[in-house]
C-alpha atoms as a PDB file:
ATOM      1  CA  MET A   1      19.568  31.014  46.733  1.00  0.00           C
ATOM      2  CA  SER A   2      16.525  28.832  46.090  1.00  0.00           C
ATOM      3  CA  LYS A   3      15.780  25.787  48.175  1.00  0.00           C
ATOM      4  CA  LYS A   4      14.954  22.586  46.386  1.00  0.00           C
ATOM      5  CA  LYS A   5      11.779  21.028  47.686  1.00  0.00           C
ATOM      6  CA  LYS A   6      12.454  17.527  48.969  1.00  0.00           C
ATOM      7  CA  ILE A   7      10.299  14.910  47.278  1.00  0.00           C
ATOM      8  CA  LYS A   8       8.399  12.800  49.780  1.00  0.00           C
ATOM      9  CA  ARG A   9       8.644   9.047  49.739  1.00  0.00           C
ATOM     10  CA  VAL A  10       5.206   7.514  50.170  1.00  0.00           C
ATOM     11  CA  VAL A  11       4.280   3.957  51.095  1.00  0.00           C
ATOM     12  CA  LEU A  12       1.067   2.785  49.439  1.00  0.00           C
ATOM     13  CA  ASP A  13      -0.563  -0.422  50.548  1.00  0.00           C
ATOM     14  CA  THR A  14      -1.970  -2.826  47.991  1.00  0.00           C
ATOM     15  CA  ASN A  15      -5.578  -1.627  48.360  1.00  0.00           C
ATOM     16  CA  VAL A  16      -4.640   2.027  47.851  1.00  0.00           C
ATOM     17  CA  LEU A  17      -2.462   1.153  44.887  1.00  0.00           C
ATOM     18  CA  LEU A  18      -5.231  -0.884  43.251  1.00  0.00           C
ATOM     19  CA  SER A  19      -7.796   1.863  43.791  1.00  0.00           C
ATOM     20  CA  ALA A  20      -5.443   4.491  42.408  1.00  0.00           C
ATOM     21  CA  LEU A  21      -4.663   2.525  39.257  1.00  0.00           C
ATOM     22  CA  LEU A  22      -7.919   0.751  38.468  1.00  0.00           C
ATOM     23  CA  PHE A  23     -10.691   3.118  39.539  1.00  0.00           C
ATOM     24  CA  LYS A  24     -11.583   6.722  38.805  1.00  0.00           C
ATOM     25  CA  GLY A  25     -11.915   8.311  42.200  1.00  0.00           C
ATOM     26  CA  LYS A  26     -10.105  10.421  44.722  1.00  0.00           C
ATOM     27  CA  LEU A  27      -7.186   8.016  44.938  1.00  0.00           C
ATOM     28  CA  SER A  28      -6.569   8.057  41.183  1.00  0.00           C
ATOM     29  CA  ARG A  29      -4.923  11.466  41.656  1.00  0.00           C
ATOM     30  CA  ILE A  30      -2.010   9.762  43.387  1.00  0.00           C
ATOM     31  CA  VAL A  31      -0.938   8.296  40.047  1.00  0.00           C
ATOM     32  CA  LYS A  32      -0.385  11.793  38.631  1.00  0.00           C
ATOM     33  CA  LEU A  33       1.683  12.684  41.670  1.00  0.00           C
ATOM     34  CA  TRP A  34       4.135   9.861  41.117  1.00  0.00           C
ATOM     35  CA  THR A  35       4.205  10.066  37.298  1.00  0.00           C
ATOM     36  CA  LYS A  36       4.996  13.791  37.574  1.00  0.00           C
ATOM     37  CA  ARG A  37       7.612  12.909  40.205  1.00  0.00           C
ATOM     38  CA  LYS A  38       5.917  14.945  42.933  1.00  0.00           C
ATOM     39  CA  ILE A  39       6.173  11.901  45.235  1.00  0.00           C
ATOM     40  CA  ILE A  40       8.267   8.748  45.191  1.00  0.00           C
ATOM     41  CA  PRO A  41       6.172   5.671  45.910  1.00  0.00           C
ATOM     42  CA  VAL A  42       8.051   3.001  47.829  1.00  0.00           C
ATOM     43  CA  SER A  43       7.268  -0.656  48.170  1.00  0.00           C
ATOM     44  CA  THR A  44       8.754  -3.791  49.612  1.00  0.00           C
ATOM     45  CA  ARG A  45       9.235  -6.821  47.391  1.00  0.00           C
ATOM     46  CA  GLU A  46       6.546  -8.569  49.424  1.00  0.00           C
ATOM     47  CA  THR A  47       4.004  -5.816  48.782  1.00  0.00           C
ATOM     48  CA  PHE A  48       4.863  -5.788  45.084  1.00  0.00           C
ATOM     49  CA  GLU A  49       4.352  -9.563  44.884  1.00  0.00           C
ATOM     50  CA  GLU A  50       1.008  -9.223  46.679  1.00  0.00           C
ATOM     51  CA  PHE A  51      -0.002  -6.469  44.251  1.00  0.00           C
ATOM     52  CA  LYS A  52       0.802  -8.686  41.244  1.00  0.00           C
ATOM     53  CA  GLU A  53      -1.210 -11.563  42.731  1.00  0.00           C
ATOM     54  CA  VAL A  54      -4.228  -9.365  43.435  1.00  0.00           C
ATOM     55  CA  LEU A  55      -4.215  -8.003  39.874  1.00  0.00           C
ATOM     56  CA  LEU A  56      -4.928 -11.574  38.757  1.00  0.00           C
ATOM     57  CA  TYR A  57      -8.180 -11.764  40.749  1.00  0.00           C
ATOM     58  CA  PRO A  58     -11.104 -12.520  38.410  1.00  0.00           C
ATOM     59  CA  LYS A  59     -13.131  -9.592  39.768  1.00  0.00           C
ATOM     60  CA  PHE A  60     -10.737  -7.158  38.043  1.00  0.00           C
ATOM     61  CA  SER A  61     -11.041  -8.918  34.651  1.00  0.00           C
ATOM     62  CA  LEU A  62      -7.537  -7.886  33.607  1.00  0.00           C
ATOM     63  CA  THR A  63      -5.681  -9.690  30.851  1.00  0.00           C
ATOM     64  CA  ASN A  64      -2.034 -10.656  31.290  1.00  0.00           C
ATOM     65  CA  GLU A  65      -1.169  -7.947  28.769  1.00  0.00           C
ATOM     66  CA  GLU A  66      -3.042  -5.300  30.783  1.00  0.00           C
ATOM     67  CA  ILE A  67      -1.286  -6.380  33.969  1.00  0.00           C
ATOM     68  CA  GLU A  68       2.098  -6.243  32.260  1.00  0.00           C
ATOM     69  CA  THR A  69       1.298  -2.761  30.944  1.00  0.00           C
ATOM     70  CA  ILE A  70       0.295  -1.486  34.397  1.00  0.00           C
ATOM     71  CA  ILE A  71       3.514  -2.807  35.898  1.00  0.00           C
ATOM     72  CA  ARG A  72       5.752  -1.672  33.028  1.00  0.00           C
ATOM     73  CA  GLU A  73       4.274   1.831  32.633  1.00  0.00           C
ATOM     74  CA  TYR A  74       3.091   2.811  36.105  1.00  0.00           C
ATOM     75  CA  ILE A  75       5.141   0.817  38.626  1.00  0.00           C
ATOM     76  CA  LEU A  76       8.638  -0.060  37.439  1.00  0.00           C
ATOM     77  CA  PRO A  77       9.705   3.413  36.235  1.00  0.00           C
ATOM     78  CA  PHE A  78       8.567   5.168  39.416  1.00  0.00           C
ATOM     79  CA  PHE A  79       8.603   2.902  42.467  1.00  0.00           C
ATOM     80  CA  GLU A  80      11.534   2.521  44.790  1.00  0.00           C
ATOM     81  CA  VAL A  81      11.970  -0.906  46.356  1.00  0.00           C
ATOM     82  CA  VAL A  82      12.882  -0.857  50.031  1.00  0.00           C
ATOM     83  CA  GLU A  83      13.623  -3.401  52.692  1.00  0.00           C
ATOM     84  CA  VAL A  84      12.005  -2.797  56.059  1.00  0.00           C
ATOM     85  CA  LYS A  85      14.428  -3.564  58.849  1.00  0.00           C
ATOM     86  CA  GLU A  86      12.488  -2.096  61.751  1.00  0.00           C
ATOM     87  CA  ASP A  87       9.090  -0.674  62.585  1.00  0.00           C
ATOM     88  CA  LEU A  88       8.802   2.976  61.639  1.00  0.00           C
ATOM     89  CA  PRO A  89       6.292   5.589  62.736  1.00  0.00           C
ATOM     90  CA  ILE A  90       3.324   5.952  60.393  1.00  0.00           C
ATOM     91  CA  GLN A  91       2.095   9.351  59.287  1.00  0.00           C
ATOM     92  CA  GLN A  92      -1.237   9.435  57.479  1.00  0.00           C
ATOM     93  CA  VAL A  93      -1.784  12.145  54.927  1.00  0.00           C
ATOM     94  CA  SER A  94      -4.885  13.260  53.104  1.00  0.00           C
ATOM     95  CA  ILE A  95      -5.140  13.813  49.377  1.00  0.00           C
ATOM     96  CA  PRO A  96      -5.842  17.453  48.525  1.00  0.00           C
ATOM     97  CA  GLU A  97      -9.071  18.159  46.664  1.00  0.00           C
END
């Protein structure tokens, strides 16, 4: 009998999420992990609202259409919204090379 591997739920803060989506670097690999359903990114409503606000910063030079596309194609289909009711232990993980 084969065991199904449990998919990890991962909390990404706004800075990590921005780096993963907007820049080509080590963190951009996280996007593939969630689009291939290797991880489930989780977010609170507050973090999602912060993320949307930060996308509007002039330094990113994103149009409203680009922001809508990012949210529609990379966030909404994959992210799970959670409500934090208590402090939980934090486990940091590294991204494999």
